């Protein structure tokens, strides 16, 4: 009976939360691909693998080759070793970056053409294709593409945003009526476990029930960290300056990015269990506690 679930990337943001959630529920066995080669892993009694390990997208430039070595080659070596050992379900956490950031495309679904435009997105897409080519009756592959993941333990841009909000100053993010899809950590973990339990295969998009605006995101976090909603609207000329000087920042703050994942939820018979408001409050609560330690 295959009952063990192998986990790579167990010390990362999502992996740590998954381990905590599964502690007394299922047998999750973390493996570090930094210290063990895929062919040396003990796959005895292992039925599924959650493959979270990878080189995350970074704002500071790194050699493109590193993305391909870690996100593509290492993933395929792991999958080959697992398949050879008789593991029958491989769950790969990919990214919506496989779609690319073509600013004319605002809505993405499970069938949207992938046009990755950086090494991170390309390396993940290359791994997806190779994994699907390996799939057969005895080796099922599930690919989950999350958008921006938020929740307790978050890092990167969202921590910077929380630090800014914590200063309790008026912020120039009022009146932004865009729609951006995100996924709360609890919703992503629920989706991953649902896919694993049902041995589902295919391409699935993670996401909360509804996209939200930048203004809603920031005002909810302002309340969550104990301040008050304090947003001012930026005059149009300043938006144009940001668009000219920092197009990527402008895109993240003012543009829309909608993940239309109704098909994923319908096919899997899955409903994200948490609201975005709940997730944002949980993240703000964690931030306050983390800052007071």
C-alpha atoms as a PDB file:
ATOM      1  CA  UNK A   1       0.000   0.000   0.000  1.00  0.00           C
ATOM      2  CA  UNK A   2       1.511   3.327  -1.106  1.00  0.00           C
ATOM      3  CA  UNK A   3       0.673   5.807   1.593  1.00  0.00           C
ATOM      4  CA  UNK A   4       3.728   8.056   1.912  1.00  0.00           C
ATOM      5  CA  UNK A   5       3.752  11.464   0.198  1.00  0.00           C
ATOM      6  CA  UNK A   6       7.154  12.865  -0.686  1.00  0.00           C
ATOM      7  CA  UNK A   7       7.652  16.629  -0.479  1.00  0.00           C
ATOM      8  CA  UNK A   8      10.418  18.710  -2.044  1.00  0.00           C
ATOM      9  CA  UNK A   9      10.811  22.391  -1.177  1.00  0.00           C
ATOM     10  CA  UNK A  10       9.547  21.729   2.330  1.00  0.00           C
ATOM     11  CA  UNK A  11      11.402  24.682   3.879  1.00  0.00           C
ATOM     12  CA  UNK A  12       9.904  27.293   1.522  1.00  0.00           C
ATOM     13  CA  UNK A  13       6.861  29.499   2.100  1.00  0.00           C
ATOM     14  CA  UNK A  14       4.272  27.020   0.751  1.00  0.00           C
ATOM     15  CA  UNK A  15       6.183  23.884   1.771  1.00  0.00           C
ATOM     16  CA  UNK A  16       6.518  24.951   5.424  1.00  0.00           C
ATOM     17  CA  UNK A  17       2.795  25.713   5.659  1.00  0.00           C
ATOM     18  CA  UNK A  18       1.907  22.392   4.001  1.00  0.00           C
ATOM     19  CA  UNK A  19       4.076  20.491   6.490  1.00  0.00           C
ATOM     20  CA  UNK A  20       2.449  22.285   9.422  1.00  0.00           C
ATOM     21  CA  UNK A  21      -1.059  21.608   8.070  1.00  0.00           C
ATOM     22  CA  UNK A  22      -0.370  17.910   7.394  1.00  0.00           C
ATOM     23  CA  UNK A  23       1.495  17.236  10.653  1.00  0.00           C
ATOM     24  CA  UNK A  24      -1.106  14.920  12.151  1.00  0.00           C
ATOM     25  CA  UNK A  25      -3.205  14.252   9.061  1.00  0.00           C
ATOM     26  CA  UNK A  26      -1.056  12.513   6.455  1.00  0.00           C
ATOM     27  CA  UNK A  27       2.460  11.094   6.240  1.00  0.00           C
ATOM     28  CA  UNK A  28       4.451  13.767   4.476  1.00  0.00           C
ATOM     29  CA  UNK A  29       8.149  13.002   3.998  1.00  0.00           C
ATOM     30  CA  UNK A  30      10.340  16.039   3.201  1.00  0.00           C
ATOM     31  CA  UNK A  31      13.334  15.495   0.910  1.00  0.00           C
ATOM     32  CA  UNK A  32      15.989  18.112   0.199  1.00  0.00           C
ATOM     33  CA  UNK A  33      17.198  18.029  -3.403  1.00  0.00           C
ATOM     34  CA  UNK A  34      20.106  20.180  -2.263  1.00  0.00           C
ATOM     35  CA  UNK A  35      21.579  17.250  -0.360  1.00  0.00           C
ATOM     36  CA  UNK A  36      20.135  14.146  -2.085  1.00  0.00           C
ATOM     37  CA  UNK A  37      20.272  13.340  -5.799  1.00  0.00           C
ATOM     38  CA  UNK A  38      16.904  12.187  -7.251  1.00  0.00           C
ATOM     39  CA  UNK A  39      18.276   8.704  -8.033  1.00  0.00           C
ATOM     40  CA  UNK A  40      19.336   8.256  -4.373  1.00  0.00           C
ATOM     41  CA  UNK A  41      15.913   9.007  -2.865  1.00  0.00           C
ATOM     42  CA  UNK A  42      14.144   6.194  -1.037  1.00  0.00           C
ATOM     43  CA  UNK A  43      10.738   5.986  -2.730  1.00  0.00           C
ATOM     44  CA  UNK A  44       9.575   2.933  -0.722  1.00  0.00           C
ATOM     45  CA  UNK A  45       5.797   3.090  -0.039  1.00  0.00           C
ATOM     46  CA  UNK A  46       5.580   6.457  -1.787  1.00  0.00           C
ATOM     47  CA  UNK A  47       2.382   6.995  -3.790  1.00  0.00           C
ATOM     48  CA  UNK A  48       2.593  10.717  -4.564  1.00  0.00           C
ATOM     49  CA  UNK A  49       5.110  13.536  -4.781  1.00  0.00           C
ATOM     50  CA  UNK A  50       4.498  17.225  -4.148  1.00  0.00           C
ATOM     51  CA  UNK A  51       7.318  18.881  -6.079  1.00  0.00           C
ATOM     52  CA  UNK A  52       7.633  22.442  -4.758  1.00  0.00           C
ATOM     53  CA  UNK A  53      11.413  22.825  -4.917  1.00  0.00           C
ATOM     54  CA  UNK A  54      12.590  25.261  -7.565  1.00  0.00           C
ATOM     55  CA  UNK A  55      14.348  28.498  -8.269  1.00  0.00           C
ATOM     56  CA  UNK A  56      11.793  31.202  -7.537  1.00  0.00           C
ATOM     57  CA  UNK A  57      11.361  34.275  -9.693  1.00  0.00           C
ATOM     58  CA  UNK A  58      13.758  37.011  -8.550  1.00  0.00           C
ATOM     59  CA  UNK A  59      13.841  40.730  -9.218  1.00  0.00           C
ATOM     60  CA  UNK A  60      17.643  40.749  -8.982  1.00  0.00           C
ATOM     61  CA  UNK A  61      19.152  39.213 -12.133  1.00  0.00           C
ATOM     62  CA  UNK A  62      20.604  35.705 -11.907  1.00  0.00           C
ATOM     63  CA  UNK A  63      22.055  33.527 -14.641  1.00  0.00           C
ATOM     64  CA  UNK A  64      19.205  32.156 -16.815  1.00  0.00           C
ATOM     65  CA  UNK A  65      20.921  28.762 -16.838  1.00  0.00           C
ATOM     66  CA  UNK A  66      20.248  28.363 -13.092  1.00  0.00           C
ATOM     67  CA  UNK A  67      16.486  28.543 -13.708  1.00  0.00           C
ATOM     68  CA  UNK A  68      16.711  25.813 -16.361  1.00  0.00           C
ATOM     69  CA  UNK A  69      18.972  23.564 -14.271  1.00  0.00           C
ATOM     70  CA  UNK A  70      16.751  23.746 -11.183  1.00  0.00           C
ATOM     71  CA  UNK A  71      13.229  24.185 -12.555  1.00  0.00           C
ATOM     72  CA  UNK A  72      13.517  21.963 -15.627  1.00  0.00           C
ATOM     73  CA  UNK A  73      16.403  19.476 -15.422  1.00  0.00           C
ATOM     74  CA  UNK A  74      16.128  18.683 -11.705  1.00  0.00           C
ATOM     75  CA  UNK A  75      12.329  18.309 -11.995  1.00  0.00           C
ATOM     76  CA  UNK A  76      12.644  15.829 -14.865  1.00  0.00           C
ATOM     77  CA  UNK A  77      15.401  13.850 -13.119  1.00  0.00           C
ATOM     78  CA  UNK A  78      13.174  13.590 -10.041  1.00  0.00           C
ATOM     79  CA  UNK A  79      10.164  12.503 -12.116  1.00  0.00           C
ATOM     80  CA  UNK A  80      12.197   9.852 -13.976  1.00  0.00           C
ATOM     81  CA  UNK A  81      13.538   8.416 -10.712  1.00  0.00           C
ATOM     82  CA  UNK A  82      10.062   8.445  -9.166  1.00  0.00           C
ATOM     83  CA  UNK A  83       8.447   6.764 -12.181  1.00  0.00           C
ATOM     84  CA  UNK A  84      11.148   4.102 -12.294  1.00  0.00           C
ATOM     85  CA  UNK A  85      10.554   3.405  -8.562  1.00  0.00           C
ATOM     86  CA  UNK A  86       6.807   2.932  -9.128  1.00  0.00           C
ATOM     87  CA  UNK A  87       5.478   6.241  -7.781  1.00  0.00           C
ATOM     88  CA  UNK A  88       2.178   6.813  -9.601  1.00  0.00           C
ATOM     89  CA  UNK A  89       1.291  10.476  -9.007  1.00  0.00           C
ATOM     90  CA  UNK A  90       3.503  13.535  -9.531  1.00  0.00           C
ATOM     91  CA  UNK A  91       2.144  16.953  -8.497  1.00  0.00           C
ATOM     92  CA  UNK A  92       4.186  19.826  -9.899  1.00  0.00           C
ATOM     93  CA  UNK A  93       3.738  23.342  -8.565  1.00  0.00           C
ATOM     94  CA  UNK A  94       4.331  25.549 -11.582  1.00  0.00           C
ATOM     95  CA  UNK A  95       3.393  29.234 -11.971  1.00  0.00           C
ATOM     96  CA  UNK A  96       1.143  31.539 -13.992  1.00  0.00           C
ATOM     97  CA  UNK A  97       4.394  33.045 -15.284  1.00  0.00           C
ATOM     98  CA  UNK A  98       4.254  30.300 -17.953  1.00  0.00           C
ATOM     99  CA  UNK A  99       1.648  32.527 -19.651  1.00  0.00           C
ATOM    100  CA  UNK A 100       4.135  35.402 -19.881  1.00  0.00           C
ATOM    101  CA  UNK A 101       3.422  39.031 -19.069  1.00  0.00           C
ATOM    102  CA  UNK A 102       2.072  40.258 -22.370  1.00  0.00           C
ATOM    103  CA  UNK A 103       0.281  43.367 -21.108  1.00  0.00           C
ATOM    104  CA  UNK A 104      -2.474  43.131 -23.742  1.00  0.00           C
ATOM    105  CA  UNK A 105      -3.694  39.823 -22.254  1.00  0.00           C
ATOM    106  CA  UNK A 106      -5.673  40.389 -19.061  1.00  0.00           C
ATOM    107  CA  UNK A 107      -7.583  37.114 -18.587  1.00  0.00           C
ATOM    108  CA  UNK A 108      -6.010  33.670 -18.437  1.00  0.00           C
ATOM    109  CA  UNK A 109      -7.664  30.258 -18.205  1.00  0.00           C
ATOM    110  CA  UNK A 110      -6.617  26.619 -18.404  1.00  0.00           C
ATOM    111  CA  UNK A 111      -6.424  26.694 -22.219  1.00  0.00           C
ATOM    112  CA  UNK A 112      -4.697  30.072 -22.703  1.00  0.00           C
ATOM    113  CA  UNK A 113      -1.598  29.745 -24.881  1.00  0.00           C
ATOM    114  CA  UNK A 114       1.651  29.826 -22.900  1.00  0.00           C
ATOM    115  CA  UNK A 115       4.046  32.535 -24.101  1.00  0.00           C
ATOM    116  CA  UNK A 116       6.628  32.794 -21.307  1.00  0.00           C
ATOM    117  CA  UNK A 117       8.869  35.816 -21.678  1.00  0.00           C
ATOM    118  CA  UNK A 118      11.562  35.231 -19.073  1.00  0.00           C
ATOM    119  CA  UNK A 119      13.832  32.358 -18.019  1.00  0.00           C
ATOM    120  CA  UNK A 120      11.740  31.607 -14.921  1.00  0.00           C
ATOM    121  CA  UNK A 121       8.509  31.154 -16.887  1.00  0.00           C
ATOM    122  CA  UNK A 122      10.280  29.322 -19.716  1.00  0.00           C
ATOM    123  CA  UNK A 123      12.011  26.879 -17.359  1.00  0.00           C
ATOM    124  CA  UNK A 124       8.735  26.023 -15.623  1.00  0.00           C
ATOM    125  CA  UNK A 125       6.917  25.612 -18.954  1.00  0.00           C
ATOM    126  CA  UNK A 126       9.671  23.352 -20.281  1.00  0.00           C
ATOM    127  CA  UNK A 127       9.289  21.170 -17.184  1.00  0.00           C
ATOM    128  CA  UNK A 128       5.481  21.049 -17.639  1.00  0.00           C
ATOM    129  CA  UNK A 129       5.815  19.818 -21.230  1.00  0.00           C
ATOM    130  CA  UNK A 130       8.418  17.163 -20.354  1.00  0.00           C
ATOM    131  CA  UNK A 131       6.302  15.908 -17.428  1.00  0.00           C
ATOM    132  CA  UNK A 132       3.204  15.589 -19.607  1.00  0.00           C
ATOM    133  CA  UNK A 133       5.237  13.585 -22.141  1.00  0.00           C
ATOM    134  CA  UNK A 134       6.198  11.167 -19.334  1.00  0.00           C
ATOM    135  CA  UNK A 135       2.605  10.599 -18.268  1.00  0.00           C
ATOM    136  CA  UNK A 136       1.001   7.195 -18.839  1.00  0.00           C
ATOM    137  CA  UNK A 137      -1.510   4.867 -17.169  1.00  0.00           C
ATOM    138  CA  UNK A 138       0.828   4.192 -14.236  1.00  0.00           C
ATOM    139  CA  UNK A 139       2.281   7.702 -13.832  1.00  0.00           C
ATOM    140  CA  UNK A 140      -0.233  10.538 -13.493  1.00  0.00           C
ATOM    141  CA  UNK A 141       0.901  14.164 -13.640  1.00  0.00           C
ATOM    142  CA  UNK A 142      -0.913  17.132 -12.102  1.00  0.00           C
ATOM    143  CA  UNK A 143       0.350  20.645 -12.853  1.00  0.00           C
ATOM    144  CA  UNK A 144      -0.858  23.462 -10.588  1.00  0.00           C
ATOM    145  CA  UNK A 145      -0.239  27.059 -11.664  1.00  0.00           C
ATOM    146  CA  UNK A 146      -0.677  29.545  -8.803  1.00  0.00           C
ATOM    147  CA  UNK A 147      -0.724  33.338  -9.174  1.00  0.00           C
ATOM    148  CA  UNK A 148       0.755  35.473  -6.361  1.00  0.00           C
ATOM    149  CA  UNK A 149       0.475  33.450  -3.113  1.00  0.00           C
ATOM    150  CA  UNK A 150      -0.149  35.362   0.126  1.00  0.00           C
ATOM    151  CA  UNK A 151      -0.627  34.414   3.755  1.00  0.00           C
ATOM    152  CA  UNK A 152       1.309  33.992   7.013  1.00  0.00           C
ATOM    153  CA  UNK A 153       5.043  33.619   6.363  1.00  0.00           C
ATOM    154  CA  UNK A 154       4.973  35.537   3.090  1.00  0.00           C
ATOM    155  CA  UNK A 155       8.175  37.051   1.711  1.00  0.00           C
ATOM    156  CA  UNK A 156       9.246  39.401  -1.076  1.00  0.00           C
ATOM    157  CA  UNK A 157       7.085  42.265  -2.324  1.00  0.00           C
ATOM    158  CA  UNK A 158       4.213  41.582   0.089  1.00  0.00           C
ATOM    159  CA  UNK A 159       6.463  41.862   3.143  1.00  0.00           C
ATOM    160  CA  UNK A 160       7.749  45.171   1.756  1.00  0.00           C
ATOM    161  CA  UNK A 161       4.144  46.294   1.318  1.00  0.00           C
ATOM    162  CA  UNK A 162       3.251  45.277   4.888  1.00  0.00           C
ATOM    163  CA  UNK A 163       6.290  47.179   6.199  1.00  0.00           C
ATOM    164  CA  UNK A 164       5.079  50.260   4.309  1.00  0.00           C
ATOM    165  CA  UNK A 165       1.507  49.892   5.601  1.00  0.00           C
ATOM    166  CA  UNK A 166       2.801  49.459   9.163  1.00  0.00           C
ATOM    167  CA  UNK A 167       4.157  53.030   9.079  1.00  0.00           C
ATOM    168  CA  UNK A 168       0.504  54.161   9.197  1.00  0.00           C
ATOM    169  CA  UNK A 169       0.996  56.881   6.578  1.00  0.00           C
ATOM    170  CA  UNK A 170      -1.479  57.921   3.872  1.00  0.00           C
ATOM    171  CA  UNK A 171      -0.675  55.814   0.798  1.00  0.00           C
ATOM    172  CA  UNK A 172      -1.229  56.868  -2.840  1.00  0.00           C
ATOM    173  CA  UNK A 173      -3.199  53.775  -3.866  1.00  0.00           C
ATOM    174  CA  UNK A 174      -6.793  55.016  -3.692  1.00  0.00           C
ATOM    175  CA  UNK A 175      -9.261  54.723  -6.568  1.00  0.00           C
ATOM    176  CA  UNK A 176      -7.500  51.869  -8.362  1.00  0.00           C
ATOM    177  CA  UNK A 177     -10.269  49.806  -9.940  1.00  0.00           C
ATOM    178  CA  UNK A 178      -8.204  46.997 -11.430  1.00  0.00           C
ATOM    179  CA  UNK A 179      -8.768  43.270 -10.873  1.00  0.00           C
ATOM    180  CA  UNK A 180      -5.891  41.016  -9.886  1.00  0.00           C
ATOM    181  CA  UNK A 181      -6.092  37.345  -9.014  1.00  0.00           C
ATOM    182  CA  UNK A 182      -4.181  36.035  -6.032  1.00  0.00           C
ATOM    183  CA  UNK A 183      -4.369  32.834  -4.016  1.00  0.00           C
ATOM    184  CA  UNK A 184      -4.459  32.552  -0.233  1.00  0.00           C
ATOM    185  CA  UNK A 185      -1.990  29.988   1.104  1.00  0.00           C
ATOM    186  CA  UNK A 186      -4.831  28.001   2.722  1.00  0.00           C
ATOM    187  CA  UNK A 187      -6.704  27.804  -0.599  1.00  0.00           C
ATOM    188  CA  UNK A 188      -3.597  26.640  -2.468  1.00  0.00           C
ATOM    189  CA  UNK A 189      -2.896  23.922   0.117  1.00  0.00           C
ATOM    190  CA  UNK A 190      -6.540  22.805   0.012  1.00  0.00           C
ATOM    191  CA  UNK A 191      -6.320  22.525  -3.795  1.00  0.00           C
ATOM    192  CA  UNK A 192      -3.032  20.588  -3.642  1.00  0.00           C
ATOM    193  CA  UNK A 193      -4.408  18.094  -1.118  1.00  0.00           C
ATOM    194  CA  UNK A 194      -7.647  17.725  -3.101  1.00  0.00           C
ATOM    195  CA  UNK A 195      -5.640  16.922  -6.266  1.00  0.00           C
ATOM    196  CA  UNK A 196      -3.494  14.429  -4.348  1.00  0.00           C
ATOM    197  CA  UNK A 197      -6.415  12.699  -2.642  1.00  0.00           C
ATOM    198  CA  UNK A 198      -8.297  12.223  -5.915  1.00  0.00           C
ATOM    199  CA  UNK A 199      -5.171  11.307  -7.925  1.00  0.00           C
ATOM    200  CA  UNK A 200      -6.192  13.997 -10.434  1.00  0.00           C
ATOM    201  CA  UNK A 201      -4.136  14.694 -13.538  1.00  0.00           C
ATOM    202  CA  UNK A 202      -4.099  17.682 -15.882  1.00  0.00           C
ATOM    203  CA  UNK A 203      -3.386  21.399 -15.723  1.00  0.00           C
ATOM    204  CA  UNK A 204      -5.073  23.301 -12.918  1.00  0.00           C
ATOM    205  CA  UNK A 205      -5.147  27.002 -12.016  1.00  0.00           C
ATOM    206  CA  UNK A 206      -5.106  28.040  -8.370  1.00  0.00           C
ATOM    207  CA  UNK A 207      -6.891  31.191  -7.256  1.00  0.00           C
ATOM    208  CA  UNK A 208      -9.246  32.733  -4.724  1.00  0.00           C
ATOM    209  CA  UNK A 209     -12.944  33.019  -5.480  1.00  0.00           C
ATOM    210  CA  UNK A 210     -12.689  36.544  -6.939  1.00  0.00           C
ATOM    211  CA  UNK A 211      -9.925  38.886  -8.121  1.00  0.00           C
ATOM    212  CA  UNK A 212      -9.445  42.066  -6.081  1.00  0.00           C
ATOM    213  CA  UNK A 213      -8.277  45.628  -6.708  1.00  0.00           C
ATOM    214  CA  UNK A 214      -4.986  47.055  -5.448  1.00  0.00           C
ATOM    215  CA  UNK A 215      -6.993  49.593  -3.409  1.00  0.00           C
ATOM    216  CA  UNK A 216      -9.008  46.799  -1.726  1.00  0.00           C
ATOM    217  CA  UNK A 217      -5.835  44.817  -1.004  1.00  0.00           C
ATOM    218  CA  UNK A 218      -4.056  47.732   0.660  1.00  0.00           C
ATOM    219  CA  UNK A 219      -7.023  49.146   2.594  1.00  0.00           C
ATOM    220  CA  UNK A 220      -7.849  45.656   3.980  1.00  0.00           C
ATOM    221  CA  UNK A 221      -4.246  45.200   5.081  1.00  0.00           C
ATOM    222  CA  UNK A 222      -4.232  48.704   6.619  1.00  0.00           C
ATOM    223  CA  UNK A 223      -7.180  47.690   8.809  1.00  0.00           C
ATOM    224  CA  UNK A 224      -5.621  44.288   9.488  1.00  0.00           C
ATOM    225  CA  UNK A 225      -2.407  45.708  10.940  1.00  0.00           C
ATOM    226  CA  UNK A 226      -4.415  47.899  13.272  1.00  0.00           C
ATOM    227  CA  UNK A 227      -4.455  51.155  11.397  1.00  0.00           C
ATOM    228  CA  UNK A 228      -7.264  52.815   9.518  1.00  0.00           C
ATOM    229  CA  UNK A 229      -8.046  52.909   5.821  1.00  0.00           C
ATOM    230  CA  UNK A 230      -5.896  55.784   4.626  1.00  0.00           C
ATOM    231  CA  UNK A 231      -5.596  55.883   0.853  1.00  0.00           C
ATOM    232  CA  UNK A 232      -5.282  58.918  -1.372  1.00  0.00           C
ATOM    233  CA  UNK A 233      -5.845  58.925  -5.100  1.00  0.00           C
ATOM    234  CA  UNK A 234      -2.806  59.565  -7.263  1.00  0.00           C
ATOM    235  CA  UNK A 235      -3.358  62.247  -9.941  1.00  0.00           C
ATOM    236  CA  UNK A 236      -3.306  60.846 -13.495  1.00  0.00           C
ATOM    237  CA  UNK A 237      -0.025  62.582 -14.349  1.00  0.00           C
ATOM    238  CA  UNK A 238       1.812  60.652 -11.605  1.00  0.00           C
ATOM    239  CA  UNK A 239       0.425  57.366 -12.879  1.00  0.00           C
ATOM    240  CA  UNK A 240       1.783  58.241 -16.326  1.00  0.00           C
ATOM    241  CA  UNK A 241       5.206  59.018 -14.851  1.00  0.00           C
ATOM    242  CA  UNK A 242       5.267  55.634 -13.043  1.00  0.00           C
ATOM    243  CA  UNK A 243       4.195  53.899 -16.265  1.00  0.00           C
ATOM    244  CA  UNK A 244       7.054  55.571 -18.139  1.00  0.00           C
ATOM    245  CA  UNK A 245       9.779  55.124 -15.497  1.00  0.00           C
ATOM    246  CA  UNK A 246       8.734  51.778 -13.946  1.00  0.00           C
ATOM    247  CA  UNK A 247       6.475  49.862 -16.356  1.00  0.00           C
ATOM    248  CA  UNK A 248       6.622  46.595 -14.342  1.00  0.00           C
ATOM    249  CA  UNK A 249       5.681  48.372 -11.107  1.00  0.00           C
ATOM    250  CA  UNK A 250       2.859  50.176 -12.920  1.00  0.00           C
ATOM    251  CA  UNK A 251       1.604  46.852 -14.288  1.00  0.00           C
ATOM    252  CA  UNK A 252       1.486  45.274 -10.806  1.00  0.00           C
ATOM    253  CA  UNK A 253      -0.212  48.258  -9.165  1.00  0.00           C
ATOM    254  CA  UNK A 254      -2.694  49.480 -11.766  1.00  0.00           C
ATOM    255  CA  UNK A 255      -3.260  46.773 -14.384  1.00  0.00           C
ATOM    256  CA  UNK A 256      -5.545  43.762 -14.232  1.00  0.00           C
ATOM    257  CA  UNK A 257      -4.517  40.107 -14.231  1.00  0.00           C
ATOM    258  CA  UNK A 258      -7.449  37.714 -13.976  1.00  0.00           C
ATOM    259  CA  UNK A 259      -7.084  33.970 -13.524  1.00  0.00           C
ATOM    260  CA  UNK A 260     -10.334  32.435 -14.746  1.00  0.00           C
ATOM    261  CA  UNK A 261     -10.201  29.020 -13.068  1.00  0.00           C
ATOM    262  CA  UNK A 262     -13.864  27.971 -13.067  1.00  0.00           C
ATOM    263  CA  UNK A 263     -12.933  24.961 -15.227  1.00  0.00           C
ATOM    264  CA  UNK A 264     -10.366  23.762 -12.663  1.00  0.00           C
ATOM    265  CA  UNK A 265     -12.897  24.023  -9.844  1.00  0.00           C
ATOM    266  CA  UNK A 266     -15.630  22.334 -11.900  1.00  0.00           C
ATOM    267  CA  UNK A 267     -13.475  19.423 -13.133  1.00  0.00           C
ATOM    268  CA  UNK A 268     -12.091  18.802  -9.641  1.00  0.00           C
ATOM    269  CA  UNK A 269     -15.379  19.544  -7.851  1.00  0.00           C
ATOM    270  CA  UNK A 270     -13.366  21.934  -5.694  1.00  0.00           C
ATOM    271  CA  UNK A 271     -14.351  25.168  -3.979  1.00  0.00           C
ATOM    272  CA  UNK A 272     -11.682  27.409  -2.370  1.00  0.00           C
ATOM    273  CA  UNK A 273     -12.588  27.179   1.343  1.00  0.00           C
ATOM    274  CA  UNK A 274     -11.378  30.640   2.418  1.00  0.00           C
ATOM    275  CA  UNK A 275     -12.378  34.138   1.353  1.00  0.00           C
ATOM    276  CA  UNK A 276      -9.746  36.665   0.318  1.00  0.00           C
ATOM    277  CA  UNK A 277     -10.774  38.949   3.202  1.00  0.00           C
ATOM    278  CA  UNK A 278     -10.088  36.108   5.658  1.00  0.00           C
ATOM    279  CA  UNK A 279      -6.714  35.367   4.068  1.00  0.00           C
ATOM    280  CA  UNK A 280      -5.596  39.004   4.136  1.00  0.00           C
ATOM    281  CA  UNK A 281      -6.584  39.373   7.801  1.00  0.00           C
ATOM    282  CA  UNK A 282      -4.677  36.165   8.674  1.00  0.00           C
ATOM    283  CA  UNK A 283      -1.594  37.508   6.908  1.00  0.00           C
ATOM    284  CA  UNK A 284      -1.894  40.859   8.721  1.00  0.00           C
ATOM    285  CA  UNK A 285      -2.304  39.081  12.092  1.00  0.00           C
ATOM    286  CA  UNK A 286       0.807  37.008  11.424  1.00  0.00           C
ATOM    287  CA  UNK A 287       2.726  40.135  10.417  1.00  0.00           C
ATOM    288  CA  UNK A 288       1.828  41.918  13.665  1.00  0.00           C
ATOM    289  CA  UNK A 289       2.875  38.906  15.736  1.00  0.00           C
ATOM    290  CA  UNK A 290       6.063  38.413  13.686  1.00  0.00           C
ATOM    291  CA  UNK A 291       6.966  42.085  14.145  1.00  0.00           C
ATOM    292  CA  UNK A 292       6.409  42.021  17.886  1.00  0.00           C
ATOM    293  CA  UNK A 293       8.570  38.963  18.572  1.00  0.00           C
END
